[in-house]
Amino acid sequence: MAKELYVGNLSYETNEEDLRRIFAVAGKVTSVHIITDPVTGASKGCAYVRMASIEETMEAINSLDEALLDNRVISVSVARPQKPQGRPSAGGKGKSRPYGRSVQGSRKKPSR
């Protein structure tokens, strides 16, 4: 089991210090990362919290899942591994080829 937790349904005003404080009831918090919009920097209402041990991770889930924080009922669960990012198609421009055909393979056969 991982030591990282996913925390959802956060208030957009919740900050890292708020999360460190509330998760400290379960044990030592080693890191907090609030997910933000890359353009605006605004919170997306979720975060990742890493605890020092698996036992503390389980304690955090048992004691804080469905807890009230900043007038919101938060969800706390084990963070799932990140899905691998898809690679762009050949050429690196991020455009897919129609029907899976390559550009070279689209030549017509000579007529007889």
N, C-alpha and C. Protein backbone atom coordinates (compact mmCIF):
# COMPACT_ATOMS: atom_id res chain seq x y z
N MET A 1 0.84 -1.20 0.00
CA MET A 1 0.00 0.00 0.00
C MET A 1 0.88 1.25 0.00
N ALA A 2 0.42 2.24 -0.72
CA ALA A 2 1.15 3.51 -0.83
C ALA A 2 0.92 4.39 0.39
N LYS A 3 1.78 5.37 0.53
CA LYS A 3 1.65 6.33 1.63
C LYS A 3 1.01 7.63 1.17
N GLU A 4 0.62 7.68 -0.10
CA GLU A 4 0.06 8.92 -0.63
C GLU A 4 -1.46 8.84 -0.67
N LEU A 5 -2.09 9.92 -0.28
CA LEU A 5 -3.54 10.01 -0.23
C LEU A 5 -4.06 11.01 -1.25
N TYR A 6 -5.23 10.72 -1.76
CA TYR A 6 -5.94 11.68 -2.62
C TYR A 6 -7.03 12.29 -1.74
N VAL A 7 -7.12 13.61 -1.75
CA VAL A 7 -8.12 14.32 -0.97
C VAL A 7 -8.99 15.10 -1.94
N GLY A 8 -10.28 14.79 -1.94
CA GLY A 8 -11.20 15.44 -2.87
C GLY A 8 -12.26 16.26 -2.17
N ASN A 9 -12.98 17.03 -2.96
CA ASN A 9 -14.08 17.90 -2.52
C ASN A 9 -13.59 18.99 -1.56
N LEU A 10 -12.40 19.50 -1.81
CA LEU A 10 -11.86 20.59 -0.99
C LEU A 10 -12.49 21.91 -1.39
N SER A 11 -12.58 22.80 -0.43
CA SER A 11 -12.97 24.17 -0.71
C SER A 11 -11.83 24.80 -1.52
N TYR A 12 -12.17 25.69 -2.42
CA TYR A 12 -11.14 26.36 -3.22
C TYR A 12 -10.26 27.27 -2.36
N GLU A 13 -10.70 27.56 -1.16
CA GLU A 13 -9.92 28.41 -0.25
C GLU A 13 -8.99 27.60 0.65
N THR A 14 -9.12 26.29 0.69
CA THR A 14 -8.25 25.45 1.52
C THR A 14 -6.81 25.56 1.02
N ASN A 15 -5.88 25.75 1.96
CA ASN A 15 -4.47 25.86 1.57
C ASN A 15 -3.66 24.70 2.15
N GLU A 16 -2.39 24.64 1.80
CA GLU A 16 -1.53 23.55 2.24
C GLU A 16 -1.41 23.49 3.75
N GLU A 17 -1.34 24.62 4.40
CA GLU A 17 -1.22 24.65 5.86
C GLU A 17 -2.47 24.05 6.52
N ASP A 18 -3.65 24.35 5.97
CA ASP A 18 -4.89 23.77 6.48
C ASP A 18 -4.83 22.24 6.41
N LEU A 19 -4.36 21.72 5.28
CA LEU A 19 -4.27 20.26 5.11
C LEU A 19 -3.23 19.66 6.03
N ARG A 20 -2.08 20.30 6.17
CA ARG A 20 -1.06 19.79 7.08
C ARG A 20 -1.61 19.71 8.51
N ARG A 21 -2.33 20.73 8.91
CA ARG A 21 -2.87 20.78 10.27
C ARG A 21 -3.88 19.67 10.52
N ILE A 22 -4.82 19.48 9.61
CA ILE A 22 -5.85 18.47 9.84
C ILE A 22 -5.29 17.05 9.71
N PHE A 23 -4.36 16.81 8.78
CA PHE A 23 -3.80 15.46 8.62
C PHE A 23 -2.79 15.12 9.71
N ALA A 24 -2.30 16.11 10.43
CA ALA A 24 -1.38 15.86 11.54
C ALA A 24 -2.04 15.06 12.65
N VAL A 25 -3.37 15.05 12.72
CA VAL A 25 -4.05 14.23 13.74
C VAL A 25 -3.82 12.75 13.50
N ALA A 26 -3.48 12.36 12.28
CA ALA A 26 -3.25 10.96 11.93
C ALA A 26 -1.77 10.59 11.98
N GLY A 27 -0.88 11.56 12.02
CA GLY A 27 0.55 11.27 12.04
C GLY A 27 1.35 12.34 11.32
N LYS A 28 2.57 11.97 10.97
CA LYS A 28 3.48 12.92 10.33
C LYS A 28 3.16 13.08 8.85
N VAL A 29 2.93 14.32 8.44
CA VAL A 29 2.68 14.66 7.03
C VAL A 29 4.03 15.01 6.41
N THR A 30 4.40 14.29 5.34
CA THR A 30 5.69 14.58 4.70
C THR A 30 5.57 15.54 3.52
N SER A 31 4.38 15.58 2.86
CA SER A 31 4.20 16.55 1.78
C SER A 31 2.72 16.76 1.50
N VAL A 32 2.43 17.94 0.97
CA VAL A 32 1.07 18.31 0.56
C VAL A 32 1.19 19.00 -0.79
N HIS A 33 0.32 18.59 -1.72
CA HIS A 33 0.33 19.22 -3.05
C HIS A 33 -1.12 19.46 -3.47
N ILE A 34 -1.53 20.72 -3.52
CA ILE A 34 -2.86 21.07 -3.98
C ILE A 34 -2.81 21.19 -5.50
N ILE A 35 -3.75 20.54 -6.17
CA ILE A 35 -3.80 20.57 -7.63
C ILE A 35 -4.40 21.90 -8.06
N THR A 36 -3.69 22.58 -8.97
CA THR A 36 -4.14 23.89 -9.43
C THR A 36 -4.25 23.91 -10.95
N ASP A 37 -5.04 24.83 -11.43
CA ASP A 37 -5.16 25.05 -12.87
C ASP A 37 -3.85 25.65 -13.36
N PRO A 38 -3.25 25.09 -14.41
CA PRO A 38 -1.95 25.60 -14.86
C PRO A 38 -2.01 27.02 -15.41
N VAL A 39 -3.15 27.46 -15.88
CA VAL A 39 -3.26 28.80 -16.46
C VAL A 39 -3.57 29.84 -15.38
N THR A 40 -4.60 29.57 -14.57
CA THR A 40 -5.03 30.57 -13.59
C THR A 40 -4.36 30.42 -12.23
N GLY A 41 -3.86 29.22 -11.93
CA GLY A 41 -3.28 28.98 -10.61
C GLY A 41 -4.31 28.72 -9.54
N ALA A 42 -5.60 28.71 -9.90
CA ALA A 42 -6.67 28.47 -8.93
C ALA A 42 -6.75 26.99 -8.57
N SER A 43 -7.12 26.72 -7.34
CA SER A 43 -7.27 25.35 -6.87
C SER A 43 -8.35 24.63 -7.67
N LYS A 44 -8.14 23.33 -7.91
CA LYS A 44 -9.15 22.51 -8.57
C LYS A 44 -9.98 21.74 -7.56
N GLY A 45 -9.75 21.99 -6.26
CA GLY A 45 -10.57 21.37 -5.23
C GLY A 45 -10.11 19.97 -4.83
N CYS A 46 -8.85 19.65 -5.12
CA CYS A 46 -8.32 18.35 -4.70
C CYS A 46 -6.83 18.48 -4.42
N ALA A 47 -6.30 17.48 -3.72
CA ALA A 47 -4.89 17.54 -3.32
C ALA A 47 -4.35 16.14 -3.09
N TYR A 48 -3.03 16.06 -2.99
CA TYR A 48 -2.35 14.83 -2.61
C TYR A 48 -1.60 15.11 -1.31
N VAL A 49 -1.76 14.20 -0.36
CA VAL A 49 -1.08 14.31 0.93
C VAL A 49 -0.28 13.04 1.13
N ARG A 50 0.98 13.18 1.48
CA ARG A 50 1.82 12.01 1.73
C ARG A 50 2.10 11.93 3.23
N MET A 51 1.87 10.74 3.77
CA MET A 51 2.10 10.49 5.18
C MET A 51 3.43 9.74 5.35
N ALA A 52 3.98 9.74 6.58
CA ALA A 52 5.29 9.13 6.84
C ALA A 52 5.25 7.61 6.83
N SER A 53 4.11 7.01 7.16
CA SER A 53 4.05 5.55 7.20
C SER A 53 2.70 5.05 6.68
N ILE A 54 2.67 3.78 6.36
CA ILE A 54 1.42 3.16 5.89
C ILE A 54 0.38 3.18 7.00
N GLU A 55 0.80 2.95 8.24
CA GLU A 55 -0.13 2.98 9.37
C GLU A 55 -0.78 4.36 9.51
N GLU A 56 0.02 5.39 9.34
CA GLU A 56 -0.53 6.76 9.42
C GLU A 56 -1.44 7.05 8.23
N THR A 57 -1.14 6.47 7.09
CA THR A 57 -2.00 6.62 5.92
C THR A 57 -3.37 6.03 6.21
N MET A 58 -3.39 4.83 6.76
CA MET A 58 -4.66 4.17 7.08
C MET A 58 -5.42 4.94 8.16
N GLU A 59 -4.70 5.46 9.14
CA GLU A 59 -5.33 6.25 10.20
C GLU A 59 -5.97 7.51 9.61
N ALA A 60 -5.30 8.14 8.66
CA ALA A 60 -5.85 9.34 8.02
C ALA A 60 -7.13 9.01 7.27
N ILE A 61 -7.15 7.89 6.56
CA ILE A 61 -8.36 7.49 5.83
C ILE A 61 -9.49 7.22 6.82
N ASN A 62 -9.19 6.44 7.86
CA ASN A 62 -10.23 6.07 8.84
C ASN A 62 -10.78 7.26 9.60
N SER A 63 -9.93 8.23 9.92
CA SER A 63 -10.39 9.35 10.74
C SER A 63 -10.83 10.58 9.95
N LEU A 64 -10.39 10.72 8.70
CA LEU A 64 -10.66 11.97 7.99
C LEU A 64 -11.58 11.84 6.77
N ASP A 65 -11.79 10.62 6.27
CA ASP A 65 -12.72 10.46 5.14
C ASP A 65 -14.10 10.88 5.61
N GLU A 66 -14.73 11.76 4.87
CA GLU A 66 -16.04 12.36 5.17
C GLU A 66 -16.00 13.33 6.35
N ALA A 67 -14.81 13.86 6.67
CA ALA A 67 -14.69 14.89 7.70
C ALA A 67 -15.09 16.24 7.11
N LEU A 68 -15.45 17.16 7.97
CA LEU A 68 -15.83 18.50 7.56
C LEU A 68 -14.60 19.41 7.62
N LEU A 69 -14.26 20.03 6.49
CA LEU A 69 -13.14 20.96 6.42
C LEU A 69 -13.58 22.16 5.58
N ASP A 70 -13.51 23.34 6.16
CA ASP A 70 -13.93 24.57 5.47
C ASP A 70 -15.35 24.43 4.90
N ASN A 71 -16.25 23.90 5.72
CA ASN A 71 -17.68 23.72 5.37
C ASN A 71 -17.90 22.79 4.19
N ARG A 72 -16.97 21.87 3.94
CA ARG A 72 -17.09 20.86 2.88
C ARG A 72 -16.81 19.49 3.49
N VAL A 73 -17.54 18.48 3.05
CA VAL A 73 -17.27 17.11 3.47
C VAL A 73 -16.24 16.55 2.49
N ILE A 74 -15.02 16.34 2.99
CA ILE A 74 -13.93 15.90 2.12
C ILE A 74 -13.92 14.38 1.97
N SER A 75 -13.31 13.92 0.89
CA SER A 75 -13.09 12.49 0.71
C SER A 75 -11.60 12.23 0.77
N VAL A 76 -11.23 11.16 1.47
CA VAL A 76 -9.82 10.80 1.63
C VAL A 76 -9.68 9.34 1.24
N SER A 77 -8.79 9.06 0.29
CA SER A 77 -8.57 7.69 -0.15
C SER A 77 -7.12 7.52 -0.57
N VAL A 78 -6.72 6.27 -0.76
CA VAL A 78 -5.37 6.00 -1.24
C VAL A 78 -5.28 6.52 -2.67
N ALA A 79 -4.21 7.24 -2.96
CA ALA A 79 -4.01 7.79 -4.31
C ALA A 79 -3.68 6.65 -5.26
N ARG A 80 -4.32 6.67 -6.40
CA ARG A 80 -4.03 5.67 -7.44
C ARG A 80 -2.81 6.12 -8.23
N PRO A 81 -2.04 5.16 -8.76
CA PRO A 81 -0.88 5.56 -9.57
C PRO A 81 -1.33 6.36 -10.79
N GLN A 82 -0.50 7.31 -11.18
CA GLN A 82 -0.81 8.14 -12.33
C GLN A 82 -0.76 7.29 -13.59
N LYS A 83 -1.74 7.50 -14.46
CA LYS A 83 -1.76 6.79 -15.74
C LYS A 83 -0.65 7.34 -16.62
N PRO A 84 0.01 6.46 -17.37
CA PRO A 84 1.06 6.96 -18.28
C PRO A 84 0.45 7.86 -19.35
N GLN A 85 1.15 8.91 -19.68
CA GLN A 85 0.68 9.83 -20.70
C GLN A 85 0.87 9.20 -22.06
N GLY A 86 -0.10 9.38 -22.94
CA GLY A 86 0.02 8.85 -24.30
C GLY A 86 1.09 9.59 -25.08
N ARG A 87 1.76 8.88 -25.93
CA ARG A 87 2.78 9.51 -26.77
C ARG A 87 2.12 10.10 -28.00
N PRO A 88 2.61 11.23 -28.46
CA PRO A 88 2.05 11.79 -29.69
C PRO A 88 2.36 10.88 -30.87
N SER A 89 1.58 10.98 -31.91
CA SER A 89 1.79 10.15 -33.10
C SER A 89 3.11 10.52 -33.77
N ALA A 90 3.50 9.71 -34.74
CA ALA A 90 4.75 9.95 -35.46
C ALA A 90 4.78 11.37 -35.98
N GLY A 91 5.91 11.98 -35.92
CA GLY A 91 6.03 13.37 -36.36
C GLY A 91 5.99 14.32 -35.18
N GLY A 92 5.46 13.85 -34.03
CA GLY A 92 5.47 14.63 -32.81
C GLY A 92 4.58 15.85 -32.81
N LYS A 93 3.69 15.97 -33.78
CA LYS A 93 2.85 17.16 -33.83
C LYS A 93 1.53 16.96 -33.11
N GLY A 94 1.30 15.75 -32.57
CA GLY A 94 0.10 15.50 -31.81
C GLY A 94 -1.12 15.25 -32.65
N LYS A 95 -0.98 15.18 -33.98
CA LYS A 95 -2.11 14.92 -34.86
C LYS A 95 -2.14 13.44 -35.19
N SER A 96 -3.31 12.85 -35.11
CA SER A 96 -3.40 11.43 -35.43
C SER A 96 -3.63 11.26 -36.92
N ARG A 97 -3.28 10.10 -37.40
CA ARG A 97 -3.47 9.79 -38.81
C ARG A 97 -4.86 9.19 -38.99
N PRO A 98 -5.53 9.52 -40.08
CA PRO A 98 -6.87 8.98 -40.28
C PRO A 98 -6.83 7.48 -40.50
N TYR A 99 -7.69 6.78 -39.79
CA TYR A 99 -7.88 5.33 -39.94
C TYR A 99 -6.61 4.53 -39.76
N GLY A 100 -5.62 5.06 -39.06
CA GLY A 100 -4.42 4.32 -38.75
C GLY A 100 -3.47 4.11 -39.92
N ARG A 101 -3.72 4.76 -41.04
CA ARG A 101 -2.84 4.59 -42.21
C ARG A 101 -1.69 5.56 -42.11
N SER A 102 -0.55 5.13 -42.60
CA SER A 102 0.59 6.04 -42.64
C SER A 102 0.50 6.88 -43.91
N VAL A 103 1.21 7.96 -43.92
CA VAL A 103 1.21 8.86 -45.08
C VAL A 103 1.79 8.14 -46.28
N GLN A 104 2.89 7.40 -46.09
CA GLN A 104 3.51 6.69 -47.19
C GLN A 104 2.60 5.58 -47.72
N GLY A 105 1.82 4.96 -46.85
CA GLY A 105 0.97 3.84 -47.25
C GLY A 105 -0.30 4.26 -47.95
N SER A 106 -0.49 5.54 -48.18
CA SER A 106 -1.74 5.99 -48.78
C SER A 106 -1.63 6.16 -50.30
N ARG A 107 -0.47 5.79 -50.87
CA ARG A 107 -0.33 5.92 -52.32
C ARG A 107 -1.22 4.92 -53.03
N LYS A 108 -1.75 5.33 -54.13
CA LYS A 108 -2.60 4.45 -54.92
C LYS A 108 -1.74 3.48 -55.72
N LYS A 109 -2.29 2.30 -55.94
CA LYS A 109 -1.61 1.32 -56.80
C LYS A 109 -1.73 1.79 -58.24
N PRO A 110 -0.70 1.54 -59.02
CA PRO A 110 -0.80 1.94 -60.43
C PRO A 110 -1.91 1.16 -61.12
N SER A 111 -2.65 1.84 -61.97
CA SER A 111 -3.73 1.16 -62.70
C SER A 111 -3.14 0.37 -63.87
N ARG A 112 -3.83 -0.69 -64.26
CA ARG A 112 -3.32 -1.56 -65.33
C ARG A 112 -3.90 -1.23 -66.65
